[in-house]
Amino acid sequence: MYLTIKETAEYLSLTEAHIESLIQQKRIRTIHDGEQFLVYKEQFNNHFEQLEKYKRQLADEQSEPIPEDPDVKDED
């Protein structure tokens, strides 16, 4: 499925100007149909998969308990 620049901006929650900048930097692949640039939506799947993986990793690290320090002495 192909998206226009406006649709891509909405899909990625970015501005159209930022999408155009990424296209000029060749960080987003496009095709030109003679009238407008079209962006292949599936090229972002890897990006979203990596974000989900990072979120899971962060949640795992945050839920891990802090180990007891063996050098701490009880001062009672």
PDB file of N, CA and C in Angstrom:
ATOM      1  N   MET A   1       0.840  -1.169   0.000  1.00  0.00           N
ATOM      2  CA  MET A   1       0.000   0.000   0.000  1.00  0.00           C
ATOM      3  C   MET A   1       0.893   1.243   0.000  1.00  0.00           C
ATOM      4  N   TYR A   2       0.537   2.172  -0.815  1.00  0.00           N
ATOM      5  CA  TYR A   2       1.301   3.418  -0.935  1.00  0.00           C
ATOM      6  C   TYR A   2       0.539   4.563  -0.283  1.00  0.00           C
ATOM      7  N   LEU A   3       1.292   5.460   0.339  1.00  0.00           N
ATOM      8  CA  LEU A   3       0.724   6.616   1.018  1.00  0.00           C
ATOM      9  C   LEU A   3       1.261   7.899   0.400  1.00  0.00           C
ATOM     10  N   THR A   4       0.455   8.949   0.446  1.00  0.00           N
ATOM     11  CA  THR A   4       0.944  10.269   0.048  1.00  0.00           C
ATOM     12  C   THR A   4       1.808  10.804   1.184  1.00  0.00           C
ATOM     13  N   ILE A   5       2.455  11.917   0.940  1.00  0.00           N
ATOM     14  CA  ILE A   5       3.281  12.525   1.985  1.00  0.00           C
ATOM     15  C   ILE A   5       2.415  12.912   3.176  1.00  0.00           C
ATOM     16  N   LYS A   6       1.231  13.454   2.923  1.00  0.00           N
ATOM     17  CA  LYS A   6       0.321  13.840   4.001  1.00  0.00           C
ATOM     18  C   LYS A   6      -0.102  12.617   4.808  1.00  0.00           C
ATOM     19  N   GLU A   7      -0.473  11.541   4.144  1.00  0.00           N
ATOM     20  CA  GLU A   7      -0.882  10.318   4.835  1.00  0.00           C
ATOM     21  C   GLU A   7       0.276   9.715   5.627  1.00  0.00           C
ATOM     22  N   THR A   8       1.482   9.791   5.060  1.00  0.00           N
ATOM     23  CA  THR A   8       2.667   9.283   5.751  1.00  0.00           C
ATOM     24  C   THR A   8       2.929  10.083   7.017  1.00  0.00           C
ATOM     25  N   ALA A   9       2.779  11.392   6.928  1.00  0.00           N
ATOM     26  CA  ALA A   9       2.979  12.252   8.095  1.00  0.00           C
ATOM     27  C   ALA A   9       1.990  11.896   9.197  1.00  0.00           C
ATOM     28  N   GLU A  10       0.740  11.659   8.830  1.00  0.00           N
ATOM     29  CA  GLU A  10      -0.266  11.269   9.826  1.00  0.00           C
ATOM     30  C   GLU A  10       0.058   9.893  10.405  1.00  0.00           C
ATOM     31  N   TYR A  11       0.467   8.962   9.567  1.00  0.00           N
ATOM     32  CA  TYR A  11       0.774   7.594   9.990  1.00  0.00           C
ATOM     33  C   TYR A  11       1.933   7.567  10.980  1.00  0.00           C
ATOM     34  N   LEU A  12       2.945   8.401  10.735  1.00  0.00           N
ATOM     35  CA  LEU A  12       4.135   8.432  11.596  1.00  0.00           C
ATOM     36  C   LEU A  12       4.070   9.509  12.673  1.00  0.00           C
ATOM     37  N   SER A  13       2.997  10.273  12.705  1.00  0.00           N
ATOM     38  CA  SER A  13       2.827  11.380  13.661  1.00  0.00           C
ATOM     39  C   SER A  13       3.966  12.391  13.554  1.00  0.00           C
ATOM     40  N   LEU A  14       4.285  12.744  12.322  1.00  0.00           N
ATOM     41  CA  LEU A  14       5.306  13.747  12.036  1.00  0.00           C
ATOM     42  C   LEU A  14       4.702  14.817  11.135  1.00  0.00           C
ATOM     43  N   THR A  15       5.423  15.915  10.957  1.00  0.00           N
ATOM     44  CA  THR A  15       4.940  16.960  10.059  1.00  0.00           C
ATOM     45  C   THR A  15       5.264  16.599   8.614  1.00  0.00           C
ATOM     46  N   GLU A  16       4.506  17.183   7.705  1.00  0.00           N
ATOM     47  CA  GLU A  16       4.768  16.947   6.290  1.00  0.00           C
ATOM     48  C   GLU A  16       6.153  17.463   5.902  1.00  0.00           C
ATOM     49  N   ALA A  17       6.552  18.589   6.483  1.00  0.00           N
ATOM     50  CA  ALA A  17       7.875  19.149   6.187  1.00  0.00           C
ATOM     51  C   ALA A  17       8.977  18.186   6.612  1.00  0.00           C
ATOM     52  N   HIS A  18       8.778  17.528   7.740  1.00  0.00           N
ATOM     53  CA  HIS A  18       9.787  16.575   8.222  1.00  0.00           C
ATOM     54  C   HIS A  18       9.855  15.356   7.298  1.00  0.00           C
ATOM     55  N   ILE A  19       8.703  14.894   6.844  1.00  0.00           N
ATOM     56  CA  ILE A  19       8.671  13.771   5.906  1.00  0.00           C
ATOM     57  C   ILE A  19       9.387  14.155   4.617  1.00  0.00           C
ATOM     58  N   GLU A  20       9.122  15.341   4.105  1.00  0.00           N
ATOM     59  CA  GLU A  20       9.790  15.812   2.888  1.00  0.00           C
ATOM     60  C   GLU A  20      11.296  15.896   3.096  1.00  0.00           C
ATOM     61  N   SER A  21      11.709  16.342   4.269  1.00  0.00           N
ATOM     62  CA  SER A  21      13.135  16.411   4.582  1.00  0.00           C
ATOM     63  C   SER A  21      13.753  15.010   4.585  1.00  0.00           C
ATOM     64  N   LEU A  22      13.066  14.046   5.191  1.00  0.00           N
ATOM     65  CA  LEU A  22      13.568  12.668   5.223  1.00  0.00           C
ATOM     66  C   LEU A  22      13.639  12.076   3.817  1.00  0.00           C
ATOM     67  N   ILE A  23      12.710  12.452   2.964  1.00  0.00           N
ATOM     68  CA  ILE A  23      12.731  11.988   1.576  1.00  0.00           C
ATOM     69  C   ILE A  23      13.943  12.575   0.853  1.00  0.00           C
ATOM     70  N   GLN A  24      14.206  13.860   1.055  1.00  0.00           N
ATOM     71  CA  GLN A  24      15.349  14.506   0.417  1.00  0.00           C
ATOM     72  C   GLN A  24      16.667  13.909   0.908  1.00  0.00           C
ATOM     73  N   GLN A  25      16.704  13.483   2.168  1.00  0.00           N
ATOM     74  CA  GLN A  25      17.898  12.860   2.721  1.00  0.00           C
ATOM     75  C   GLN A  25      18.002  11.391   2.326  1.00  0.00           C
ATOM     76  N   LYS A  26      17.004  10.914   1.587  1.00  0.00           N
ATOM     77  CA  LYS A  26      16.923   9.516   1.138  1.00  0.00           C
ATOM     78  C   LYS A  26      16.836   8.541   2.305  1.00  0.00           C
ATOM     79  N   ARG A  27      16.207   8.986   3.395  1.00  0.00           N
ATOM     80  CA  ARG A  27      15.976   8.109   4.539  1.00  0.00           C
ATOM     81  C   ARG A  27      14.620   7.419   4.425  1.00  0.00           C
ATOM     82  N   ILE A  28      13.756   7.943   3.549  1.00  0.00           N
ATOM     83  CA  ILE A  28      12.479   7.311   3.224  1.00  0.00           C
ATOM     84  C   ILE A  28      12.464   7.116   1.720  1.00  0.00           C
ATOM     85  N   ARG A  29      12.177   5.880   1.300  1.00  0.00           N
ATOM     86  CA  ARG A  29      12.114   5.581  -0.129  1.00  0.00           C
ATOM     87  C   ARG A  29      10.745   5.949  -0.677  1.00  0.00           C
ATOM     88  N   THR A  30      10.748   6.507  -1.878  1.00  0.00           N
ATOM     89  CA  THR A  30       9.499   6.917  -2.520  1.00  0.00           C
ATOM     90  C   THR A  30       9.521   6.544  -3.993  1.00  0.00           C
ATOM     91  N   ILE A  31       8.346   6.626  -4.580  1.00  0.00           N
ATOM     92  CA  ILE A  31       8.244   6.588  -6.037  1.00  0.00           C
ATOM     93  C   ILE A  31       7.468   7.835  -6.447  1.00  0.00           C
ATOM     94  N   HIS A  32       7.667   8.258  -7.667  1.00  0.00           N
ATOM     95  CA  HIS A  32       6.976   9.438  -8.164  1.00  0.00           C
ATOM     96  C   HIS A  32       6.060   8.993  -9.289  1.00  0.00           C
ATOM     97  N   ASP A  33       4.784   9.272  -9.158  1.00  0.00           N
ATOM     98  CA  ASP A  33       3.818   8.829 -10.162  1.00  0.00           C
ATOM     99  C   ASP A  33       3.543   9.881 -11.227  1.00  0.00           C
ATOM    100  N   GLY A  34       4.358  10.904 -11.283  1.00  0.00           N
ATOM    101  CA  GLY A  34       4.173  11.976 -12.253  1.00  0.00           C
ATOM    102  C   GLY A  34       3.543  13.207 -11.631  1.00  0.00           C
ATOM    103  N   GLU A  35       2.788  13.010 -10.565  1.00  0.00           N
ATOM    104  CA  GLU A  35       2.129  14.119  -9.883  1.00  0.00           C
ATOM    105  C   GLU A  35       2.632  14.310  -8.457  1.00  0.00           C
ATOM    106  N   GLN A  36       2.848  13.201  -7.775  1.00  0.00           N
ATOM    107  CA  GLN A  36       3.212  13.284  -6.367  1.00  0.00           C
ATOM    108  C   GLN A  36       4.137  12.130  -5.989  1.00  0.00           C
ATOM    109  N   PHE A  37       4.769  12.300  -4.837  1.00  0.00           N
ATOM    110  CA  PHE A  37       5.599  11.229  -4.304  1.00  0.00           C
ATOM    111  C   PHE A  37       4.705  10.285  -3.510  1.00  0.00           C
ATOM    112  N   LEU A  38       4.955   9.000  -3.670  1.00  0.00           N
ATOM    113  CA  LEU A  38       4.221   7.987  -2.922  1.00  0.00           C
ATOM    114  C   LEU A  38       5.211   7.183  -2.094  1.00  0.00           C
ATOM    115  N   VAL A  39       4.817   6.873  -0.869  1.00  0.00           N
ATOM    116  CA  VAL A  39       5.676   6.184   0.083  1.00  0.00           C
ATOM    117  C   VAL A  39       5.091   4.801   0.336  1.00  0.00           C
ATOM    118  N   TYR A  40       5.939   3.775   0.228  1.00  0.00           N
ATOM    119  CA  TYR A  40       5.501   2.409   0.497  1.00  0.00           C
ATOM    120  C   TYR A  40       5.405   2.217   2.006  1.00  0.00           C
ATOM    121  N   LYS A  41       4.205   1.944   2.483  1.00  0.00           N
ATOM    122  CA  LYS A  41       3.921   1.881   3.922  1.00  0.00           C
ATOM    123  C   LYS A  41       4.697   0.775   4.633  1.00  0.00           C
ATOM    124  N   GLU A  42       4.920  -0.358   3.972  1.00  0.00           N
ATOM    125  CA  GLU A  42       5.539  -1.511   4.618  1.00  0.00           C
ATOM    126  C   GLU A  42       7.004  -1.289   4.988  1.00  0.00           C
ATOM    127  N   GLN A  43       7.643  -0.242   4.457  1.00  0.00           N
ATOM    128  CA  GLN A  43       9.038  -0.002   4.786  1.00  0.00           C
ATOM    129  C   GLN A  43       9.219   0.415   6.244  1.00  0.00           C
ATOM    130  N   PHE A  44       8.131   0.766   6.924  1.00  0.00           N
ATOM    131  CA  PHE A  44       8.213   1.197   8.316  1.00  0.00           C
ATOM    132  C   PHE A  44       7.993   0.047   9.298  1.00  0.00           C
ATOM    133  N   ASN A  45       7.654  -1.131   8.806  1.00  0.00           N
ATOM    134  CA  ASN A  45       7.400  -2.269   9.701  1.00  0.00           C
ATOM    135  C   ASN A  45       8.604  -2.577  10.577  1.00  0.00           C
ATOM    136  N   ASN A  46       9.786  -2.614  10.001  1.00  0.00           N
ATOM    137  CA  ASN A  46      10.995  -2.907  10.774  1.00  0.00           C
ATOM    138  C   ASN A  46      11.201  -1.862  11.874  1.00  0.00           C
ATOM    139  N   HIS A  47      10.941  -0.624  11.561  1.00  0.00           N
ATOM    140  CA  HIS A  47      11.082   0.462  12.532  1.00  0.00           C
ATOM    141  C   HIS A  47      10.154   0.227  13.725  1.00  0.00           C
ATOM    142  N   PHE A  48       8.885  -0.094  13.440  1.00  0.00           N
ATOM    143  CA  PHE A  48       7.927  -0.308  14.516  1.00  0.00           C
ATOM    144  C   PHE A  48       8.241  -1.578  15.307  1.00  0.00           C
ATOM    145  N   GLU A  49       8.746  -2.610  14.645  1.00  0.00           N
ATOM    146  CA  GLU A  49       9.149  -3.829  15.348  1.00  0.00           C
ATOM    147  C   GLU A  49      10.294  -3.542  16.312  1.00  0.00           C
ATOM    148  N   GLN A  50      11.253  -2.740  15.879  1.00  0.00           N
ATOM    149  CA  GLN A  50      12.376  -2.387  16.746  1.00  0.00           C
ATOM    150  C   GLN A  50      11.910  -1.555  17.940  1.00  0.00           C
ATOM    151  N   LEU A  51      10.946  -0.657  17.722  1.00  0.00           N
ATOM    152  CA  LEU A  51      10.416   0.130  18.830  1.00  0.00           C
ATOM    153  C   LEU A  51       9.737  -0.760  19.864  1.00  0.00           C
ATOM    154  N   GLU A  52       8.940  -1.715  19.398  1.00  0.00           N
ATOM    155  CA  GLU A  52       8.266  -2.633  20.314  1.00  0.00           C
ATOM    156  C   GLU A  52       9.281  -3.478  21.091  1.00  0.00           C
ATOM    157  N   LYS A  53      10.317  -3.943  20.402  1.00  0.00           N
ATOM    158  CA  LYS A  53      11.357  -4.733  21.050  1.00  0.00           C
ATOM    159  C   LYS A  53      12.050  -3.898  22.135  1.00  0.00           C
ATOM    160  N   TYR A  54      12.345  -2.641  21.828  1.00  0.00           N
ATOM    161  CA  TYR A  54      12.994  -1.761  22.792  1.00  0.00           C
ATOM    162  C   TYR A  54      12.085  -1.496  23.993  1.00  0.00           C
ATOM    163  N   LYS A  55      10.787  -1.295  23.753  1.00  0.00           N
ATOM    164  CA  LYS A  55       9.844  -1.062  24.850  1.00  0.00           C
ATOM    165  C   LYS A  55       9.769  -2.274  25.774  1.00  0.00           C
ATOM    166  N   ARG A  56       9.725  -3.483  25.189  1.00  0.00           N
ATOM    167  CA  ARG A  56       9.690  -4.698  26.002  1.00  0.00           C
ATOM    168  C   ARG A  56      10.968  -4.842  26.829  1.00  0.00           C
ATOM    169  N   GLN A  57      12.108  -4.561  26.205  1.00  0.00           N
ATOM    170  CA  GLN A  57      13.390  -4.661  26.893  1.00  0.00           C
ATOM    171  C   GLN A  57      13.450  -3.663  28.054  1.00  0.00           C
ATOM    172  N   LEU A  58      12.983  -2.463  27.825  1.00  0.00           N
ATOM    173  CA  LEU A  58      12.971  -1.437  28.862  1.00  0.00           C
ATOM    174  C   LEU A  58      12.055  -1.841  30.007  1.00  0.00           C
ATOM    175  N   ALA A  59      10.887  -2.380  29.696  1.00  0.00           N
ATOM    176  CA  ALA A  59       9.951  -2.822  30.738  1.00  0.00           C
ATOM    177  C   ALA A  59      10.552  -3.959  31.549  1.00  0.00           C
ATOM    178  N   ASP A  60      11.238  -4.893  30.886  1.00  0.00           N
ATOM    179  CA  ASP A  60      11.889  -5.999  31.589  1.00  0.00           C
ATOM    180  C   ASP A  60      12.959  -5.488  32.549  1.00  0.00           C
ATOM    181  N   GLU A  61      13.752  -4.536  32.095  1.00  0.00           N
ATOM    182  CA  GLU A  61      14.812  -3.985  32.937  1.00  0.00           C
ATOM    183  C   GLU A  61      14.235  -3.232  34.130  1.00  0.00           C
ATOM    184  N   GLN A  62      13.135  -2.514  33.911  1.00  0.00           N
ATOM    185  CA  GLN A  62      12.540  -1.746  35.001  1.00  0.00           C
ATOM    186  C   GLN A  62      11.857  -2.633  36.023  1.00  0.00           C
ATOM    187  N   SER A  63      11.386  -3.798  35.603  1.00  0.00           N
ATOM    188  CA  SER A  63      10.690  -4.685  36.539  1.00  0.00           C
ATOM    189  C   SER A  63      11.653  -5.610  37.285  1.00  0.00           C
ATOM    190  N   GLU A  64      12.905  -5.630  36.887  1.00  0.00           N
ATOM    191  CA  GLU A  64      13.887  -6.477  37.551  1.00  0.00           C
ATOM    192  C   GLU A  64      14.239  -5.879  38.908  1.00  0.00           C
ATOM    193  N   PRO A  65      14.180  -6.688  39.986  1.00  0.00           N
ATOM    194  CA  PRO A  65      14.473  -6.141  41.318  1.00  0.00           C
ATOM    195  C   PRO A  65      15.956  -5.800  41.467  1.00  0.00           C
ATOM    196  N   ILE A  66      16.209  -4.834  42.303  1.00  0.00           N
ATOM    197  CA  ILE A  66      17.589  -4.439  42.573  1.00  0.00           C
ATOM    198  C   ILE A  66      18.185  -5.475  43.522  1.00  0.00           C
ATOM    199  N   PRO A  67      19.326  -6.049  43.186  1.00  0.00           N
ATOM    200  CA  PRO A  67      19.918  -7.078  44.056  1.00  0.00           C
ATOM    201  C   PRO A  67      20.451  -6.476  45.356  1.00  0.00           C
ATOM    202  N   GLU A  68      20.451  -7.307  46.371  1.00  0.00           N
ATOM    203  CA  GLU A  68      20.991  -6.873  47.657  1.00  0.00           C
ATOM    204  C   GLU A  68      22.499  -6.702  47.528  1.00  0.00           C
ATOM    205  N   ASP A  69      23.031  -5.678  48.151  1.00  0.00           N
ATOM    206  CA  ASP A  69      24.464  -5.436  48.132  1.00  0.00           C
ATOM    207  C   ASP A  69      25.103  -6.246  49.260  1.00  0.00           C
ATOM    208  N   PRO A  70      25.992  -7.185  48.935  1.00  0.00           N
ATOM    209  CA  PRO A  70      26.569  -8.033  49.976  1.00  0.00           C
ATOM    210  C   PRO A  70      27.495  -7.268  50.932  1.00  0.00           C
ATOM    211  N   ASP A  71      27.927  -6.065  50.564  1.00  0.00           N
ATOM    212  CA  ASP A  71      28.855  -5.315  51.414  1.00  0.00           C
ATOM    213  C   ASP A  71      28.142  -4.406  52.413  1.00  0.00           C
ATOM    214  N   VAL A  72      26.837  -4.351  52.357  1.00  0.00           N
ATOM    215  CA  VAL A  72      26.102  -3.488  53.274  1.00  0.00           C
ATOM    216  C   VAL A  72      26.050  -4.172  54.639  1.00  0.00           C
ATOM    217  N   LYS A  73      26.431  -3.422  55.667  1.00  0.00           N
ATOM    218  CA  LYS A  73      26.458  -3.991  57.016  1.00  0.00           C
ATOM    219  C   LYS A  73      25.263  -3.464  57.797  1.00  0.00           C
ATOM    220  N   ASP A  74      24.668  -4.347  58.533  1.00  0.00           N
ATOM    221  CA  ASP A  74      23.550  -3.966  59.366  1.00  0.00           C
ATOM    222  C   ASP A  74      24.079  -3.181  60.566  1.00  0.00           C
ATOM    223  N   GLU A  75      23.583  -1.955  60.764  1.00  0.00           N
ATOM    224  CA  GLU A  75      24.109  -1.100  61.811  1.00  0.00           C
ATOM    225  C   GLU A  75      23.243  -1.125  63.058  1.00  0.00           C
ATOM    226  N   ASP A  76      22.370  -2.061  63.202  1.00  0.00           N
ATOM    227  CA  ASP A  76      21.515  -2.128  64.393  1.00  0.00           C
ATOM    228  C   ASP A  76      22.271  -2.570  65.597  1.00  0.00           C
TER     229      ASP A  76
END
